[in-house]
């Protein structure tokens, strides 16, 4: 079991993340079913977990489902596209367990909104600590190239990768209690010696 847990953590650390560091620690803890109390208490204090269902319900309550989208709605010409929770390149068991956004699904919904004759503006609703860096450059390029105006609305947290994507919008609007920033990358480097060589050290 210990070797399996080490291999799983090593796989998570095999790529750089643009995310609040404590959220990456929680993802690792959840992935190996070792729920570290200190990490979870830290996350509980920022209210992110409590906001997530409310934010998703708020998106669902705005208008009707946008035809062809995976999780977006439309009302009065505005397509509402959620970016809630940790951002992963694609849907996975980890993002299903922790709650999060698939970058692939997010970009799919933006393309659907861009192509829809019923959509005049795209509104990205953001409450995310960031996520995996994979494919984010292409996603940012696509958002900048979108011909329809995009408003990024930060409902709670817009950190790291989430801020990177949100900042590509023509307009960035923050809720009065929102927080943005923490721009940076969490990466793991490997050591050539010692018991922890497989896991590496974080920088």
N, C-alpha and C. Protein backbone atom coordinates (compact mmCIF):
# COMPACT_ATOMS: atom_id res chain seq x y z
N UNK A 1 0.83 -1.20 0.00
CA UNK A 1 0.00 0.00 0.00
C UNK A 1 0.87 1.26 0.00
N UNK A 2 1.99 1.21 0.78
CA UNK A 2 2.86 2.37 0.85
C UNK A 2 3.48 2.68 -0.51
N UNK A 3 3.91 1.60 -1.23
CA UNK A 3 4.49 1.80 -2.56
C UNK A 3 3.47 2.38 -3.54
N UNK A 4 2.21 1.91 -3.44
CA UNK A 4 1.16 2.42 -4.32
C UNK A 4 0.88 3.88 -4.04
N UNK A 5 0.85 4.24 -2.76
CA UNK A 5 0.61 5.64 -2.39
C UNK A 5 1.75 6.52 -2.89
N UNK A 6 2.99 6.03 -2.75
CA UNK A 6 4.14 6.79 -3.23
C UNK A 6 4.08 6.99 -4.74
N UNK A 7 3.69 5.93 -5.45
CA UNK A 7 3.59 6.02 -6.91
C UNK A 7 2.51 7.01 -7.33
N UNK A 8 1.39 7.02 -6.60
CA UNK A 8 0.30 7.94 -6.92
C UNK A 8 0.71 9.39 -6.70
N UNK A 9 1.37 9.65 -5.57
CA UNK A 9 1.83 11.01 -5.29
C UNK A 9 2.87 11.43 -6.33
N UNK A 10 3.76 10.51 -6.69
CA UNK A 10 4.77 10.82 -7.70
C UNK A 10 4.12 11.18 -9.03
N UNK A 11 3.04 10.50 -9.39
CA UNK A 11 2.34 10.80 -10.63
C UNK A 11 1.70 12.18 -10.59
N UNK A 12 1.14 12.54 -9.43
CA UNK A 12 0.54 13.87 -9.29
C UNK A 12 1.60 14.95 -9.40
N UNK A 13 2.78 14.67 -8.82
CA UNK A 13 3.86 15.65 -8.82
C UNK A 13 4.67 15.66 -10.11
N UNK A 14 4.34 14.79 -11.04
CA UNK A 14 5.14 14.67 -12.26
C UNK A 14 4.96 15.85 -13.20
N UNK A 15 4.00 16.73 -12.92
CA UNK A 15 3.79 17.90 -13.78
C UNK A 15 3.63 19.14 -12.91
N UNK A 16 3.98 20.29 -13.47
CA UNK A 16 3.84 21.52 -12.69
C UNK A 16 2.38 21.93 -12.54
N UNK A 17 2.08 22.56 -11.42
CA UNK A 17 0.74 23.06 -11.13
C UNK A 17 0.80 24.57 -10.92
N UNK A 18 -0.21 25.27 -11.33
CA UNK A 18 -0.39 26.67 -10.97
C UNK A 18 -1.59 26.70 -10.03
N UNK A 19 -1.32 26.53 -8.75
CA UNK A 19 -2.39 26.32 -7.76
C UNK A 19 -1.89 26.77 -6.40
N UNK A 20 -2.81 27.14 -5.53
CA UNK A 20 -2.44 27.44 -4.15
C UNK A 20 -1.83 26.17 -3.55
N UNK A 21 -0.63 26.23 -2.96
CA UNK A 21 0.07 25.02 -2.51
C UNK A 21 -0.74 24.13 -1.57
N UNK A 22 -1.52 24.73 -0.66
CA UNK A 22 -2.28 23.90 0.28
C UNK A 22 -3.35 23.07 -0.42
N UNK A 23 -3.84 23.55 -1.57
CA UNK A 23 -4.82 22.77 -2.32
C UNK A 23 -4.17 21.56 -2.96
N UNK A 24 -2.93 21.70 -3.43
CA UNK A 24 -2.21 20.56 -3.98
C UNK A 24 -1.96 19.51 -2.90
N UNK A 25 -1.62 19.96 -1.71
CA UNK A 25 -1.44 19.03 -0.59
C UNK A 25 -2.73 18.27 -0.31
N UNK A 26 -3.86 18.96 -0.37
CA UNK A 26 -5.15 18.31 -0.11
C UNK A 26 -5.47 17.30 -1.20
N UNK A 27 -5.17 17.64 -2.46
CA UNK A 27 -5.41 16.71 -3.56
C UNK A 27 -4.60 15.44 -3.36
N UNK A 28 -3.34 15.59 -2.96
CA UNK A 28 -2.50 14.41 -2.70
C UNK A 28 -3.07 13.58 -1.55
N UNK A 29 -3.51 14.28 -0.49
CA UNK A 29 -4.06 13.57 0.67
C UNK A 29 -5.31 12.79 0.30
N UNK A 30 -6.19 13.43 -0.48
CA UNK A 30 -7.44 12.78 -0.89
C UNK A 30 -7.14 11.62 -1.82
N UNK A 31 -6.16 11.78 -2.71
CA UNK A 31 -5.84 10.75 -3.69
C UNK A 31 -5.40 9.46 -3.02
N UNK A 32 -4.72 9.54 -1.90
CA UNK A 32 -4.26 8.33 -1.21
C UNK A 32 -5.14 7.99 -0.01
N UNK A 33 -6.28 8.67 0.09
CA UNK A 33 -7.24 8.45 1.19
C UNK A 33 -6.60 8.68 2.56
N UNK A 34 -5.61 9.58 2.59
CA UNK A 34 -4.97 9.92 3.86
C UNK A 34 -5.32 11.36 4.16
N UNK A 35 -6.51 11.59 4.70
CA UNK A 35 -7.00 12.94 4.87
C UNK A 35 -6.32 13.63 6.05
N UNK A 36 -5.29 14.41 5.71
CA UNK A 36 -4.52 15.09 6.75
C UNK A 36 -5.36 16.20 7.38
N UNK A 37 -5.61 16.10 8.68
CA UNK A 37 -6.51 17.04 9.36
C UNK A 37 -6.03 18.48 9.23
N UNK A 38 -4.70 18.71 9.32
CA UNK A 38 -4.23 20.09 9.27
C UNK A 38 -4.48 20.71 7.91
N UNK A 39 -4.32 19.93 6.84
CA UNK A 39 -4.59 20.45 5.49
C UNK A 39 -6.07 20.74 5.32
N UNK A 40 -6.91 19.81 5.71
CA UNK A 40 -8.35 19.99 5.52
C UNK A 40 -8.89 21.14 6.36
N UNK A 41 -8.36 21.31 7.57
CA UNK A 41 -8.80 22.43 8.40
C UNK A 41 -8.43 23.76 7.77
N UNK A 42 -7.23 23.81 7.15
CA UNK A 42 -6.80 25.03 6.48
C UNK A 42 -7.75 25.37 5.34
N UNK A 43 -8.14 24.36 4.55
CA UNK A 43 -9.04 24.61 3.44
C UNK A 43 -10.44 24.97 3.94
N UNK A 44 -10.86 24.34 5.02
CA UNK A 44 -12.20 24.62 5.55
C UNK A 44 -12.31 26.08 5.99
N UNK A 45 -11.22 26.66 6.47
CA UNK A 45 -11.27 28.03 6.96
C UNK A 45 -11.54 29.05 5.86
N UNK A 46 -11.14 28.74 4.60
CA UNK A 46 -11.35 29.74 3.55
C UNK A 46 -12.75 29.68 2.95
N UNK A 47 -13.57 28.70 3.38
CA UNK A 47 -14.96 28.63 2.95
C UNK A 47 -15.18 28.15 1.53
N UNK A 48 -14.09 27.69 0.87
CA UNK A 48 -14.19 27.31 -0.54
C UNK A 48 -15.16 26.14 -0.74
N UNK A 49 -15.04 25.11 0.11
CA UNK A 49 -15.88 23.93 -0.04
C UNK A 49 -17.36 24.27 0.11
N UNK A 50 -17.67 25.17 1.03
CA UNK A 50 -19.07 25.55 1.25
C UNK A 50 -19.61 26.38 0.08
N UNK A 51 -18.72 27.17 -0.54
CA UNK A 51 -19.18 28.02 -1.65
C UNK A 51 -19.44 27.23 -2.93
N UNK A 52 -18.72 26.11 -3.10
CA UNK A 52 -18.79 25.40 -4.38
C UNK A 52 -20.21 24.97 -4.77
N UNK A 53 -20.96 24.27 -3.90
CA UNK A 53 -22.32 23.89 -4.30
C UNK A 53 -23.20 25.11 -4.58
N UNK A 54 -23.04 26.16 -3.76
CA UNK A 54 -23.86 27.36 -3.96
C UNK A 54 -23.55 28.02 -5.30
N UNK A 55 -22.26 28.06 -5.66
CA UNK A 55 -21.89 28.65 -6.95
C UNK A 55 -22.45 27.86 -8.11
N UNK A 56 -22.35 26.54 -8.03
CA UNK A 56 -22.88 25.70 -9.11
C UNK A 56 -24.39 25.81 -9.20
N UNK A 57 -25.05 25.90 -8.06
CA UNK A 57 -26.50 26.07 -8.07
C UNK A 57 -26.88 27.43 -8.67
N UNK A 58 -26.08 28.45 -8.38
CA UNK A 58 -26.34 29.78 -8.92
C UNK A 58 -26.21 29.78 -10.43
N UNK A 59 -25.19 29.08 -10.95
CA UNK A 59 -25.02 28.98 -12.41
C UNK A 59 -26.21 28.25 -13.02
N UNK A 60 -26.60 27.14 -12.40
CA UNK A 60 -27.72 26.35 -12.91
C UNK A 60 -29.02 27.14 -12.90
N UNK A 61 -29.14 28.05 -11.95
CA UNK A 61 -30.38 28.83 -11.81
C UNK A 61 -30.48 29.96 -12.83
N UNK A 62 -29.37 30.27 -13.49
CA UNK A 62 -29.37 31.36 -14.47
C UNK A 62 -29.80 30.82 -15.81
N UNK A 63 -31.03 31.10 -16.20
CA UNK A 63 -31.51 30.72 -17.52
C UNK A 63 -31.66 29.22 -17.71
N UNK A 64 -31.39 28.79 -18.95
CA UNK A 64 -31.55 27.38 -19.33
C UNK A 64 -30.22 26.83 -19.84
N UNK A 65 -30.14 25.52 -19.92
CA UNK A 65 -28.91 24.88 -20.37
C UNK A 65 -28.57 25.33 -21.80
N UNK A 66 -27.32 25.71 -22.01
CA UNK A 66 -26.86 26.09 -23.34
C UNK A 66 -26.72 24.84 -24.18
N UNK A 67 -27.47 24.76 -25.28
CA UNK A 67 -27.45 23.58 -26.14
C UNK A 67 -26.04 23.21 -26.55
N UNK A 68 -25.69 21.94 -26.35
CA UNK A 68 -24.38 21.44 -26.75
C UNK A 68 -23.31 21.61 -25.71
N UNK A 69 -23.61 22.35 -24.63
CA UNK A 69 -22.59 22.58 -23.59
C UNK A 69 -22.60 21.44 -22.59
N UNK A 70 -21.55 21.39 -21.76
CA UNK A 70 -21.45 20.35 -20.74
C UNK A 70 -21.88 20.84 -19.37
N UNK A 71 -21.93 22.16 -19.16
CA UNK A 71 -22.32 22.64 -17.84
C UNK A 71 -22.65 24.11 -17.81
N UNK A 72 -22.91 24.70 -18.98
CA UNK A 72 -23.16 26.14 -19.05
C UNK A 72 -24.63 26.43 -19.30
N UNK A 73 -25.03 27.66 -18.97
CA UNK A 73 -26.41 28.08 -19.17
C UNK A 73 -26.44 29.35 -20.01
N UNK A 74 -27.65 29.72 -20.43
CA UNK A 74 -27.80 30.94 -21.22
C UNK A 74 -29.03 31.70 -20.74
N UNK A 75 -28.89 33.04 -20.70
CA UNK A 75 -30.01 33.90 -20.35
C UNK A 75 -29.79 35.27 -20.96
N UNK A 76 -30.78 35.76 -21.66
CA UNK A 76 -30.72 37.09 -22.27
C UNK A 76 -29.44 37.33 -23.07
N UNK A 77 -29.04 36.32 -23.81
CA UNK A 77 -27.86 36.46 -24.67
C UNK A 77 -26.54 36.26 -23.96
N UNK A 78 -26.57 35.98 -22.64
CA UNK A 78 -25.34 35.76 -21.87
C UNK A 78 -25.16 34.27 -21.59
N UNK A 79 -24.04 33.72 -22.05
CA UNK A 79 -23.69 32.33 -21.72
C UNK A 79 -22.88 32.35 -20.43
N UNK A 80 -23.32 31.60 -19.43
CA UNK A 80 -22.63 31.54 -18.14
C UNK A 80 -21.84 30.24 -18.06
N UNK A 81 -20.51 30.36 -18.03
CA UNK A 81 -19.61 29.21 -18.06
C UNK A 81 -18.90 29.11 -16.71
N UNK A 82 -19.10 28.04 -15.93
CA UNK A 82 -18.48 27.95 -14.61
C UNK A 82 -17.04 27.47 -14.66
N UNK A 83 -16.19 28.08 -13.80
CA UNK A 83 -14.82 27.62 -13.56
C UNK A 83 -14.70 27.50 -12.04
N UNK A 84 -15.20 26.38 -11.51
CA UNK A 84 -15.36 26.21 -10.07
C UNK A 84 -14.46 25.06 -9.59
N UNK A 85 -13.70 25.30 -8.54
CA UNK A 85 -12.86 24.25 -7.97
C UNK A 85 -11.53 24.11 -8.70
N UNK A 86 -10.78 23.08 -8.34
CA UNK A 86 -9.47 22.83 -8.95
C UNK A 86 -9.64 22.52 -10.44
N UNK A 87 -8.73 23.04 -11.25
CA UNK A 87 -8.81 22.87 -12.71
C UNK A 87 -7.88 21.75 -13.14
N UNK A 88 -8.44 20.74 -13.80
CA UNK A 88 -7.68 19.62 -14.33
C UNK A 88 -7.77 19.64 -15.86
N UNK A 89 -6.79 19.05 -16.56
CA UNK A 89 -6.85 19.06 -18.04
C UNK A 89 -8.10 18.38 -18.57
N UNK A 90 -8.46 17.24 -17.98
CA UNK A 90 -9.63 16.48 -18.40
C UNK A 90 -10.35 15.94 -17.18
N UNK A 91 -11.57 15.47 -17.38
CA UNK A 91 -12.31 14.87 -16.26
C UNK A 91 -11.53 13.66 -15.76
N UNK A 92 -11.47 13.49 -14.45
CA UNK A 92 -10.72 12.37 -13.86
C UNK A 92 -11.35 11.98 -12.55
N UNK A 93 -10.88 10.84 -12.00
CA UNK A 93 -11.37 10.40 -10.70
C UNK A 93 -11.03 11.42 -9.62
N UNK A 94 -9.84 12.05 -9.73
CA UNK A 94 -9.43 13.00 -8.69
C UNK A 94 -10.32 14.22 -8.72
N UNK A 95 -10.60 14.76 -9.93
CA UNK A 95 -11.42 15.96 -9.92
C UNK A 95 -12.87 15.64 -9.61
N UNK A 96 -13.31 14.40 -9.83
CA UNK A 96 -14.65 14.00 -9.40
C UNK A 96 -14.72 13.91 -7.89
N UNK A 97 -13.60 13.47 -7.24
CA UNK A 97 -13.59 13.33 -5.78
C UNK A 97 -13.46 14.66 -5.08
N UNK A 98 -12.67 15.57 -5.65
CA UNK A 98 -12.39 16.82 -4.96
C UNK A 98 -13.31 17.94 -5.39
N UNK A 99 -14.06 17.73 -6.46
CA UNK A 99 -14.87 18.80 -7.01
C UNK A 99 -13.98 19.70 -7.81
N UNK A 100 -14.32 19.94 -9.05
CA UNK A 100 -13.44 20.78 -9.86
C UNK A 100 -13.93 20.95 -11.27
N UNK A 101 -13.07 21.56 -12.09
CA UNK A 101 -13.40 21.88 -13.47
C UNK A 101 -12.45 21.16 -14.40
N UNK A 102 -13.01 20.57 -15.44
CA UNK A 102 -12.20 20.01 -16.51
C UNK A 102 -11.91 21.12 -17.51
N UNK A 103 -10.62 21.41 -17.77
CA UNK A 103 -10.26 22.45 -18.73
C UNK A 103 -10.80 22.12 -20.11
N UNK A 104 -10.80 20.84 -20.44
CA UNK A 104 -11.34 20.39 -21.71
C UNK A 104 -12.83 20.75 -21.83
N UNK A 105 -13.60 20.51 -20.76
CA UNK A 105 -15.03 20.84 -20.77
C UNK A 105 -15.25 22.35 -20.79
N UNK A 106 -14.42 23.08 -20.05
CA UNK A 106 -14.52 24.54 -20.03
C UNK A 106 -14.32 25.12 -21.43
N UNK A 107 -13.27 24.67 -22.11
CA UNK A 107 -12.99 25.17 -23.46
C UNK A 107 -14.05 24.72 -24.46
N UNK A 108 -14.58 23.52 -24.26
CA UNK A 108 -15.68 23.06 -25.11
C UNK A 108 -16.88 24.00 -24.99
N UNK A 109 -17.22 24.37 -23.75
CA UNK A 109 -18.38 25.24 -23.55
C UNK A 109 -18.13 26.64 -24.10
N UNK A 110 -16.89 27.14 -24.01
CA UNK A 110 -16.58 28.44 -24.59
C UNK A 110 -16.74 28.38 -26.11
N UNK A 111 -16.28 27.29 -26.72
CA UNK A 111 -16.43 27.13 -28.18
C UNK A 111 -17.90 27.07 -28.57
N UNK A 112 -18.69 26.35 -27.78
CA UNK A 112 -20.14 26.26 -28.05
C UNK A 112 -20.77 27.65 -27.96
N UNK A 113 -20.42 28.40 -26.93
CA UNK A 113 -20.97 29.75 -26.76
C UNK A 113 -20.54 30.67 -27.91
N UNK A 114 -19.28 30.54 -28.32
CA UNK A 114 -18.77 31.35 -29.43
C UNK A 114 -19.52 31.07 -30.73
N UNK A 115 -19.90 29.81 -30.92
CA UNK A 115 -20.57 29.41 -32.16
C UNK A 115 -22.08 29.66 -32.14
N UNK A 116 -22.65 29.86 -30.97
CA UNK A 116 -24.11 30.00 -30.86
C UNK A 116 -24.58 31.38 -31.29
N UNK A 117 -25.56 31.40 -32.17
CA UNK A 117 -26.15 32.67 -32.61
C UNK A 117 -26.95 33.33 -31.49
N UNK A 118 -27.30 32.57 -30.46
CA UNK A 118 -28.10 33.12 -29.35
C UNK A 118 -27.23 33.81 -28.30
N UNK A 119 -25.92 33.62 -28.37
CA UNK A 119 -25.02 34.16 -27.34
C UNK A 119 -24.37 35.45 -27.83
N UNK A 120 -24.50 36.49 -27.01
CA UNK A 120 -23.86 37.78 -27.31
C UNK A 120 -22.63 38.02 -26.45
N UNK A 121 -22.64 37.48 -25.23
CA UNK A 121 -21.53 37.67 -24.29
C UNK A 121 -21.31 36.38 -23.51
N UNK A 122 -20.05 36.10 -23.17
CA UNK A 122 -19.70 34.94 -22.36
C UNK A 122 -19.30 35.44 -20.97
N UNK A 123 -19.89 34.86 -19.94
CA UNK A 123 -19.57 35.21 -18.55
C UNK A 123 -18.97 33.97 -17.88
N UNK A 124 -17.68 34.05 -17.52
CA UNK A 124 -17.04 32.97 -16.78
C UNK A 124 -17.19 33.25 -15.29
N UNK A 125 -17.83 32.35 -14.57
CA UNK A 125 -17.98 32.49 -13.12
C UNK A 125 -16.86 31.70 -12.46
N UNK A 126 -15.98 32.40 -11.74
CA UNK A 126 -14.75 31.79 -11.22
C UNK A 126 -14.74 31.72 -9.70
N UNK A 127 -14.44 30.55 -9.18
CA UNK A 127 -14.11 30.36 -7.77
C UNK A 127 -13.18 29.17 -7.71
N UNK A 128 -11.88 29.42 -7.91
CA UNK A 128 -10.92 28.34 -8.07
C UNK A 128 -9.54 28.73 -7.52
N UNK A 129 -8.85 27.76 -6.89
CA UNK A 129 -7.50 28.02 -6.41
C UNK A 129 -6.44 27.82 -7.48
N UNK A 130 -6.84 27.34 -8.66
CA UNK A 130 -5.88 27.06 -9.74
C UNK A 130 -5.94 25.60 -10.13
N UNK A 131 -4.87 25.11 -10.76
CA UNK A 131 -4.88 23.72 -11.19
C UNK A 131 -3.64 23.32 -11.95
N UNK A 132 -3.77 22.28 -12.77
CA UNK A 132 -2.66 21.71 -13.53
C UNK A 132 -2.35 22.59 -14.73
N UNK A 133 -1.05 22.80 -14.99
CA UNK A 133 -0.64 23.70 -16.07
C UNK A 133 -0.87 23.15 -17.48
N UNK A 134 -1.04 21.86 -17.61
CA UNK A 134 -1.17 21.23 -18.93
C UNK A 134 -2.26 21.90 -19.77
N UNK A 135 -1.90 22.30 -20.99
CA UNK A 135 -2.82 22.88 -21.99
C UNK A 135 -3.31 24.29 -21.66
N UNK A 136 -2.82 24.90 -20.57
CA UNK A 136 -3.37 26.21 -20.20
C UNK A 136 -2.97 27.29 -21.20
N UNK A 137 -1.80 27.16 -21.82
CA UNK A 137 -1.38 28.16 -22.80
C UNK A 137 -2.33 28.23 -23.98
N UNK A 138 -2.70 27.06 -24.49
CA UNK A 138 -3.64 27.01 -25.62
C UNK A 138 -5.01 27.53 -25.21
N UNK A 139 -5.42 27.21 -23.97
CA UNK A 139 -6.71 27.69 -23.48
C UNK A 139 -6.71 29.21 -23.37
N UNK A 140 -5.62 29.78 -22.84
CA UNK A 140 -5.53 31.24 -22.72
C UNK A 140 -5.55 31.90 -24.09
N UNK A 141 -4.84 31.31 -25.06
CA UNK A 141 -4.84 31.85 -26.43
C UNK A 141 -6.25 31.84 -27.01
N UNK A 142 -6.98 30.75 -26.76
CA UNK A 142 -8.33 30.63 -27.30
C UNK A 142 -9.25 31.68 -26.69
N UNK A 143 -9.13 31.90 -25.38
CA UNK A 143 -9.97 32.89 -24.72
C UNK A 143 -9.69 34.29 -25.27
N UNK A 144 -8.41 34.60 -25.48
CA UNK A 144 -8.05 35.92 -26.03
C UNK A 144 -8.57 36.09 -27.45
N UNK A 145 -8.63 34.99 -28.20
CA UNK A 145 -9.03 35.08 -29.61
C UNK A 145 -10.54 35.04 -29.80
N UNK A 146 -11.30 34.80 -28.74
CA UNK A 146 -12.75 34.72 -28.86
C UNK A 146 -13.31 36.06 -29.35
N UNK A 147 -14.16 36.02 -30.36
CA UNK A 147 -14.68 37.26 -30.95
C UNK A 147 -15.79 37.88 -30.11
N UNK A 148 -16.48 37.05 -29.33
CA UNK A 148 -17.53 37.59 -28.46
C UNK A 148 -16.90 38.08 -27.16
N UNK A 149 -17.40 39.18 -26.60
CA UNK A 149 -16.81 39.70 -25.35
C UNK A 149 -16.96 38.70 -24.21
N UNK A 150 -15.91 38.63 -23.39
CA UNK A 150 -15.92 37.73 -22.22
C UNK A 150 -15.78 38.58 -20.96
N UNK A 151 -16.65 38.32 -20.00
CA UNK A 151 -16.54 38.89 -18.67
C UNK A 151 -16.19 37.77 -17.71
N UNK A 152 -15.10 37.94 -16.95
CA UNK A 152 -14.74 36.98 -15.91
C UNK A 152 -15.23 37.54 -14.58
N UNK A 153 -16.10 36.81 -13.92
CA UNK A 153 -16.64 37.24 -12.63
C UNK A 153 -16.09 36.32 -11.55
N UNK A 154 -15.28 36.87 -10.64
CA UNK A 154 -14.70 36.09 -9.55
C UNK A 154 -15.66 36.13 -8.37
N UNK A 155 -16.29 34.99 -8.11
CA UNK A 155 -17.29 34.92 -7.05
C UNK A 155 -16.67 34.67 -5.69
N UNK A 156 -15.48 34.07 -5.66
CA UNK A 156 -14.83 33.78 -4.38
C UNK A 156 -13.33 33.91 -4.50
N UNK A 157 -12.69 32.94 -5.15
CA UNK A 157 -11.24 32.95 -5.31
C UNK A 157 -10.88 32.82 -6.79
N UNK A 158 -9.93 33.62 -7.22
CA UNK A 158 -9.41 33.52 -8.58
C UNK A 158 -7.90 33.52 -8.48
N UNK A 159 -7.33 32.37 -8.13
CA UNK A 159 -5.89 32.31 -7.85
C UNK A 159 -5.14 31.54 -8.92
N UNK A 160 -3.89 31.90 -9.09
CA UNK A 160 -2.93 31.17 -9.90
C UNK A 160 -3.49 30.89 -11.30
N UNK A 161 -3.64 29.61 -11.68
CA UNK A 161 -4.10 29.30 -13.03
C UNK A 161 -5.48 29.89 -13.31
N UNK A 162 -6.35 29.92 -12.32
CA UNK A 162 -7.69 30.50 -12.51
C UNK A 162 -7.59 31.99 -12.84
N UNK A 163 -6.66 32.69 -12.18
CA UNK A 163 -6.45 34.11 -12.50
C UNK A 163 -5.83 34.26 -13.89
N UNK A 164 -4.92 33.37 -14.24
CA UNK A 164 -4.29 33.37 -15.57
C UNK A 164 -5.39 33.32 -16.64
N UNK A 165 -6.32 32.38 -16.50
CA UNK A 165 -7.38 32.25 -17.50
C UNK A 165 -8.36 33.42 -17.42
N UNK A 166 -8.74 33.81 -16.20
CA UNK A 166 -9.69 34.91 -16.04
C UNK A 166 -9.16 36.22 -16.58
N UNK A 167 -7.84 36.41 -16.49
CA UNK A 167 -7.25 37.68 -16.95
C UNK A 167 -7.23 37.80 -18.47
N UNK A 168 -7.59 36.74 -19.17
CA UNK A 168 -7.67 36.81 -20.63
C UNK A 168 -8.98 37.47 -21.10
N UNK A 169 -9.92 37.61 -20.18
CA UNK A 169 -11.22 38.21 -20.52
C UNK A 169 -11.08 39.71 -20.75
N UNK A 170 -12.02 40.25 -21.52
CA UNK A 170 -12.02 41.70 -21.77
C UNK A 170 -12.32 42.47 -20.50
N UNK A 171 -13.05 41.81 -19.58
CA UNK A 171 -13.48 42.48 -18.34
C UNK A 171 -13.34 41.50 -17.18
N UNK A 172 -12.73 41.95 -16.09
CA UNK A 172 -12.58 41.12 -14.90
C UNK A 172 -13.31 41.82 -13.75
N UNK A 173 -14.33 41.16 -13.21
CA UNK A 173 -15.16 41.74 -12.15
C UNK A 173 -15.03 40.88 -10.91
N UNK A 174 -14.83 41.52 -9.76
CA UNK A 174 -14.67 40.80 -8.49
C UNK A 174 -15.85 41.07 -7.57
N UNK A 175 -16.34 40.01 -6.95
CA UNK A 175 -17.27 40.16 -5.85
C UNK A 175 -16.56 40.90 -4.73
N UNK A 176 -17.30 41.62 -3.89
CA UNK A 176 -16.67 42.41 -2.82
C UNK A 176 -15.81 41.57 -1.89
N UNK A 177 -16.17 40.29 -1.73
CA UNK A 177 -15.41 39.41 -0.82
C UNK A 177 -14.41 38.52 -1.57
N UNK A 178 -14.24 38.74 -2.87
CA UNK A 178 -13.38 37.87 -3.67
C UNK A 178 -11.91 38.14 -3.41
N UNK A 179 -11.08 37.15 -3.71
CA UNK A 179 -9.63 37.31 -3.63
C UNK A 179 -8.99 36.79 -4.90
N UNK A 180 -7.98 37.51 -5.40
CA UNK A 180 -7.26 37.09 -6.61
C UNK A 180 -5.77 37.20 -6.35
N UNK A 181 -5.00 36.51 -7.19
CA UNK A 181 -3.55 36.61 -7.07
C UNK A 181 -2.90 35.27 -6.87
N UNK A 182 -1.83 35.24 -6.07
CA UNK A 182 -1.02 34.04 -5.84
C UNK A 182 -0.56 33.46 -7.17
N UNK A 183 0.11 34.30 -7.96
CA UNK A 183 0.58 33.85 -9.26
C UNK A 183 1.91 33.12 -9.07
N UNK A 184 1.96 31.89 -9.53
CA UNK A 184 3.19 31.12 -9.40
C UNK A 184 2.98 29.68 -9.77
N UNK A 185 4.06 28.92 -9.78
CA UNK A 185 4.01 27.51 -10.17
C UNK A 185 4.59 26.67 -9.05
N UNK A 186 3.89 25.57 -8.73
CA UNK A 186 4.40 24.59 -7.78
C UNK A 186 4.95 23.45 -8.60
N UNK A 187 6.24 23.15 -8.44
CA UNK A 187 6.86 22.07 -9.19
C UNK A 187 7.65 21.19 -8.24
N UNK A 188 7.93 19.97 -8.68
CA UNK A 188 8.68 19.03 -7.88
C UNK A 188 9.95 18.65 -8.61
N UNK A 189 11.09 18.69 -7.92
CA UNK A 189 12.35 18.28 -8.50
C UNK A 189 12.78 16.98 -7.84
N UNK A 190 13.46 16.12 -8.56
CA UNK A 190 13.85 14.83 -7.99
C UNK A 190 15.28 14.89 -7.47
N UNK A 191 15.47 14.16 -6.38
CA UNK A 191 16.81 14.00 -5.82
C UNK A 191 17.33 12.64 -6.26
N UNK A 192 18.62 12.49 -6.33
CA UNK A 192 19.22 11.25 -6.80
C UNK A 192 19.52 10.28 -5.67
N UNK A 193 19.32 10.70 -4.44
CA UNK A 193 19.67 9.83 -3.32
C UNK A 193 18.64 9.99 -2.22
N UNK A 194 18.61 9.00 -1.34
CA UNK A 194 17.71 9.08 -0.19
C UNK A 194 16.40 8.36 -0.45
N UNK A 195 15.67 8.11 0.64
CA UNK A 195 14.43 7.33 0.56
C UNK A 195 13.34 8.05 -0.19
N UNK A 196 13.39 9.40 -0.21
CA UNK A 196 12.31 10.15 -0.84
C UNK A 196 12.62 10.52 -2.28
N UNK A 197 13.61 9.87 -2.89
CA UNK A 197 14.03 10.27 -4.24
C UNK A 197 12.90 10.14 -5.25
N UNK A 198 12.03 9.13 -5.05
CA UNK A 198 10.95 8.93 -6.03
C UNK A 198 9.94 10.05 -5.99
N UNK A 199 9.75 10.65 -4.82
CA UNK A 199 8.75 11.70 -4.68
C UNK A 199 9.30 13.07 -5.02
N UNK A 200 10.58 13.27 -4.78
CA UNK A 200 11.17 14.56 -5.09
C UNK A 200 10.91 15.58 -3.99
N UNK A 201 11.40 16.77 -4.21
CA UNK A 201 11.17 17.86 -3.26
C UNK A 201 10.49 18.99 -3.97
N UNK A 202 9.59 19.68 -3.27
CA UNK A 202 8.76 20.70 -3.88
C UNK A 202 9.44 22.05 -3.84
N UNK A 203 9.27 22.82 -4.93
CA UNK A 203 9.81 24.17 -4.99
C UNK A 203 8.73 25.13 -5.43
